[in-house]
């Protein structure tokens, strides 16, 4: 499968799952990652793509960069289900 089509398919499936969630559901704890909320996990999942498109991905994925992307709440809730580019609104 074309990797872009695979990404698009995964993107669409994740969006279908989360677009209907309300704030209480987004703030629910993730059983497999109890320190994380659904919102944190979603931000983590799509935050890397946002960073790559913004040119913020160091070759070495150094510890400071990785920490900003793997700490609950650290993603700044800056992601959304919108592949249109630009600065995404806050979740």
N, C-alpha and C. Protein backbone atom coordinates (compact mmCIF):
# COMPACT_ATOMS: atom_id res chain seq x y z
N UNK A 1 0.84 -1.19 0.00
CA UNK A 1 0.00 0.00 0.00
C UNK A 1 0.89 1.24 0.00
N UNK A 2 0.45 2.24 -0.70
CA UNK A 2 1.13 3.53 -0.74
C UNK A 2 1.16 4.10 0.69
N UNK A 3 2.33 4.53 1.18
CA UNK A 3 2.40 5.02 2.56
C UNK A 3 1.54 6.26 2.81
N UNK A 4 1.39 7.10 1.82
CA UNK A 4 0.54 8.28 2.00
C UNK A 4 -0.92 7.86 2.13
N UNK A 5 -1.35 6.89 1.33
CA UNK A 5 -2.71 6.39 1.45
C UNK A 5 -2.93 5.68 2.78
N UNK A 6 -1.92 4.96 3.25
CA UNK A 6 -2.02 4.29 4.55
C UNK A 6 -2.14 5.32 5.67
N UNK A 7 -1.34 6.39 5.58
CA UNK A 7 -1.43 7.46 6.58
C UNK A 7 -2.80 8.09 6.55
N UNK A 8 -3.31 8.38 5.36
CA UNK A 8 -4.62 9.03 5.21
C UNK A 8 -5.72 8.14 5.79
N UNK A 9 -5.63 6.84 5.54
CA UNK A 9 -6.61 5.90 6.08
C UNK A 9 -6.58 5.91 7.61
N UNK A 10 -5.38 5.85 8.18
CA UNK A 10 -5.25 5.88 9.64
C UNK A 10 -5.76 7.21 10.20
N UNK A 11 -5.43 8.31 9.54
CA UNK A 11 -5.88 9.64 9.95
C UNK A 11 -7.41 9.68 9.99
N UNK A 12 -8.03 9.20 8.92
CA UNK A 12 -9.49 9.21 8.84
C UNK A 12 -10.12 8.36 9.94
N UNK A 13 -9.52 7.20 10.23
CA UNK A 13 -10.08 6.32 11.27
C UNK A 13 -9.94 6.95 12.65
N UNK A 14 -8.80 7.56 12.93
CA UNK A 14 -8.62 8.22 14.23
C UNK A 14 -9.60 9.39 14.36
N UNK A 15 -9.72 10.18 13.31
CA UNK A 15 -10.66 11.32 13.37
C UNK A 15 -12.08 10.84 13.60
N UNK A 16 -12.48 9.77 12.94
CA UNK A 16 -13.83 9.24 13.12
C UNK A 16 -14.07 8.84 14.58
N UNK A 17 -13.02 8.39 15.25
CA UNK A 17 -13.15 7.99 16.65
C UNK A 17 -13.22 9.18 17.60
N UNK A 18 -12.47 10.23 17.31
CA UNK A 18 -12.34 11.32 18.29
C UNK A 18 -13.18 12.55 18.01
N UNK A 19 -13.61 12.76 16.81
CA UNK A 19 -14.36 13.98 16.49
C UNK A 19 -15.67 14.09 17.26
N UNK A 20 -16.23 12.98 17.62
CA UNK A 20 -17.52 13.01 18.33
C UNK A 20 -17.36 13.08 19.85
N UNK A 21 -16.15 13.07 20.36
CA UNK A 21 -15.93 13.07 21.80
C UNK A 21 -16.16 14.45 22.40
N UNK A 22 -16.75 14.49 23.59
CA UNK A 22 -16.91 15.76 24.29
C UNK A 22 -15.71 15.96 25.22
N UNK A 23 -15.67 17.11 25.89
CA UNK A 23 -14.52 17.41 26.75
C UNK A 23 -14.31 16.37 27.85
N UNK A 24 -15.38 15.88 28.44
CA UNK A 24 -15.24 14.88 29.50
C UNK A 24 -14.59 13.61 28.96
N UNK A 25 -14.98 13.21 27.76
CA UNK A 25 -14.39 12.00 27.15
C UNK A 25 -12.93 12.25 26.76
N UNK A 26 -12.63 13.44 26.27
CA UNK A 26 -11.24 13.77 25.93
C UNK A 26 -10.35 13.84 27.16
N UNK A 27 -10.95 14.18 28.31
CA UNK A 27 -10.18 14.26 29.55
C UNK A 27 -10.14 12.95 30.33
N UNK A 28 -10.76 11.90 29.79
CA UNK A 28 -10.74 10.58 30.44
C UNK A 28 -9.33 9.99 30.39
N UNK A 29 -9.00 9.22 31.40
CA UNK A 29 -7.70 8.54 31.46
C UNK A 29 -7.67 7.38 30.48
N UNK A 30 -6.50 7.14 29.88
CA UNK A 30 -6.31 6.02 28.96
C UNK A 30 -5.87 4.82 29.81
N UNK A 31 -6.64 3.73 29.83
CA UNK A 31 -6.31 2.59 30.69
C UNK A 31 -4.89 2.05 30.48
N UNK A 32 -4.42 2.00 29.26
CA UNK A 32 -3.07 1.47 29.00
C UNK A 32 -1.98 2.47 29.37
N UNK A 33 -2.35 3.75 29.53
CA UNK A 33 -1.39 4.82 29.87
C UNK A 33 -2.08 5.71 30.91
N UNK A 34 -2.22 5.26 32.16
CA UNK A 34 -3.06 5.97 33.13
C UNK A 34 -2.62 7.39 33.48
N UNK A 35 -1.40 7.76 33.16
CA UNK A 35 -0.98 9.14 33.41
C UNK A 35 -1.42 10.07 32.28
N UNK A 36 -1.98 9.49 31.22
CA UNK A 36 -2.36 10.25 30.04
C UNK A 36 -3.87 10.31 29.89
N UNK A 37 -4.36 11.44 29.35
CA UNK A 37 -5.76 11.54 28.98
C UNK A 37 -5.88 11.20 27.49
N UNK A 38 -7.11 11.01 27.06
CA UNK A 38 -7.34 10.77 25.62
C UNK A 38 -6.81 11.96 24.83
N UNK A 39 -7.01 13.17 25.35
CA UNK A 39 -6.51 14.39 24.69
C UNK A 39 -4.99 14.36 24.58
N UNK A 40 -4.30 13.96 25.66
CA UNK A 40 -2.83 13.86 25.64
C UNK A 40 -2.38 12.87 24.57
N UNK A 41 -3.04 11.71 24.55
CA UNK A 41 -2.66 10.66 23.61
C UNK A 41 -2.87 11.11 22.17
N UNK A 42 -3.99 11.75 21.90
CA UNK A 42 -4.25 12.25 20.56
C UNK A 42 -3.22 13.30 20.16
N UNK A 43 -2.93 14.22 21.06
CA UNK A 43 -1.92 15.24 20.77
C UNK A 43 -0.56 14.61 20.49
N UNK A 44 -0.23 13.58 21.25
CA UNK A 44 1.03 12.86 21.05
C UNK A 44 1.04 12.16 19.68
N UNK A 45 -0.07 11.56 19.33
CA UNK A 45 -0.14 10.81 18.07
C UNK A 45 0.05 11.70 16.85
N UNK A 46 -0.55 12.87 16.88
CA UNK A 46 -0.47 13.72 15.69
C UNK A 46 0.56 14.83 15.82
N UNK A 47 1.06 15.05 17.02
CA UNK A 47 2.04 16.12 17.23
C UNK A 47 3.32 15.95 16.44
N UNK A 48 3.77 14.73 16.28
CA UNK A 48 4.99 14.50 15.51
C UNK A 48 4.81 14.96 14.07
N UNK A 49 3.68 14.64 13.48
CA UNK A 49 3.42 15.08 12.11
C UNK A 49 3.42 16.59 11.98
N UNK A 50 2.84 17.27 12.96
CA UNK A 50 2.83 18.73 12.97
C UNK A 50 4.25 19.25 13.06
N UNK A 51 5.06 18.65 13.94
CA UNK A 51 6.45 19.08 14.08
C UNK A 51 7.24 18.86 12.80
N UNK A 52 7.07 17.71 12.18
CA UNK A 52 7.80 17.41 10.95
C UNK A 52 7.45 18.43 9.87
N UNK A 53 6.17 18.71 9.71
CA UNK A 53 5.74 19.68 8.70
C UNK A 53 6.24 21.08 9.01
N UNK A 54 6.43 21.39 10.30
CA UNK A 54 6.94 22.70 10.70
C UNK A 54 8.47 22.75 10.67
N UNK A 55 9.11 21.63 10.34
CA UNK A 55 10.57 21.59 10.32
C UNK A 55 11.20 21.43 11.68
N UNK A 56 10.42 21.03 12.67
CA UNK A 56 10.93 20.86 14.04
C UNK A 56 11.10 19.38 14.36
N UNK A 57 12.07 18.77 13.71
CA UNK A 57 12.38 17.36 14.00
C UNK A 57 13.89 17.18 13.87
N UNK A 58 14.61 17.20 14.98
CA UNK A 58 16.06 17.04 14.90
C UNK A 58 16.42 15.62 14.45
N UNK A 59 17.54 15.51 13.78
CA UNK A 59 18.00 14.21 13.29
C UNK A 59 18.18 13.19 14.41
N UNK A 60 18.61 13.68 15.58
CA UNK A 60 18.93 12.75 16.66
C UNK A 60 17.77 12.50 17.63
N UNK A 61 16.62 13.18 17.45
CA UNK A 61 15.51 13.06 18.38
C UNK A 61 16.04 13.12 19.82
N UNK A 62 16.79 14.18 20.10
CA UNK A 62 17.46 14.33 21.39
C UNK A 62 16.46 14.28 22.55
N UNK A 63 16.99 14.12 23.75
CA UNK A 63 16.12 13.87 24.91
C UNK A 63 15.18 15.04 25.20
N UNK A 64 15.61 16.29 25.00
CA UNK A 64 14.73 17.43 25.27
C UNK A 64 13.57 17.44 24.28
N UNK A 65 13.85 17.17 23.01
CA UNK A 65 12.81 17.14 21.99
C UNK A 65 11.83 16.00 22.27
N UNK A 66 12.36 14.83 22.59
CA UNK A 66 11.53 13.67 22.88
C UNK A 66 10.67 13.92 24.11
N UNK A 67 11.22 14.52 25.14
CA UNK A 67 10.47 14.79 26.38
C UNK A 67 9.27 15.69 26.11
N UNK A 68 9.45 16.69 25.26
CA UNK A 68 8.33 17.59 24.94
C UNK A 68 7.19 16.85 24.24
N UNK A 69 7.48 15.72 23.62
CA UNK A 69 6.47 14.99 22.87
C UNK A 69 5.95 13.76 23.59
N UNK A 70 6.52 13.42 24.73
CA UNK A 70 6.10 12.19 25.40
C UNK A 70 5.66 12.41 26.84
N UNK A 71 5.54 13.65 27.27
CA UNK A 71 5.07 13.95 28.61
C UNK A 71 3.60 14.30 28.54
N UNK A 72 2.75 13.67 29.33
CA UNK A 72 1.33 14.00 29.30
C UNK A 72 1.12 15.51 29.47
N UNK A 73 0.30 16.08 28.60
CA UNK A 73 0.02 17.51 28.66
C UNK A 73 1.06 18.37 27.98
N UNK A 74 2.24 17.83 27.67
CA UNK A 74 3.32 18.62 27.10
C UNK A 74 3.08 19.00 25.65
N UNK A 75 2.20 18.30 24.99
CA UNK A 75 1.94 18.60 23.58
C UNK A 75 1.24 19.93 23.41
N UNK A 76 0.81 20.55 24.48
CA UNK A 76 0.20 21.85 24.41
C UNK A 76 -1.19 21.84 23.81
N UNK A 77 -1.75 20.64 23.66
CA UNK A 77 -3.09 20.52 23.10
C UNK A 77 -3.22 21.38 21.85
N UNK A 78 -2.25 21.20 20.94
CA UNK A 78 -2.17 22.05 19.76
C UNK A 78 -2.52 21.31 18.48
N UNK A 79 -3.18 20.20 18.60
CA UNK A 79 -3.48 19.40 17.42
C UNK A 79 -4.97 19.36 17.14
N UNK A 80 -5.30 18.98 15.93
CA UNK A 80 -6.70 18.86 15.54
C UNK A 80 -6.80 17.87 14.39
N UNK A 81 -7.98 17.42 14.10
CA UNK A 81 -8.20 16.56 12.93
C UNK A 81 -8.42 17.43 11.72
N UNK A 82 -7.36 18.06 11.27
CA UNK A 82 -7.43 18.90 10.08
C UNK A 82 -6.11 18.82 9.34
N UNK A 83 -6.07 18.16 8.20
CA UNK A 83 -4.82 18.04 7.46
C UNK A 83 -4.54 19.25 6.58
N UNK A 84 -5.26 20.37 6.80
CA UNK A 84 -5.17 21.50 5.89
C UNK A 84 -3.90 22.32 6.04
N UNK A 85 -3.12 22.08 7.08
CA UNK A 85 -1.89 22.83 7.27
C UNK A 85 -2.12 24.07 8.12
N UNK A 86 -1.10 24.88 8.23
CA UNK A 86 -1.20 26.08 9.06
C UNK A 86 -1.11 25.72 10.52
N UNK A 87 -1.40 26.67 11.36
CA UNK A 87 -1.35 26.45 12.80
C UNK A 87 -2.66 25.84 13.24
N UNK A 88 -2.63 24.64 13.77
CA UNK A 88 -3.88 24.02 14.20
C UNK A 88 -4.44 24.68 15.43
N UNK A 89 -5.75 24.72 15.57
CA UNK A 89 -6.35 25.29 16.78
C UNK A 89 -6.13 24.37 17.97
N UNK A 90 -6.34 24.91 19.14
CA UNK A 90 -6.20 24.14 20.38
C UNK A 90 -7.37 23.18 20.51
N UNK A 91 -7.07 21.97 20.98
CA UNK A 91 -8.14 21.00 21.27
C UNK A 91 -8.78 21.36 22.58
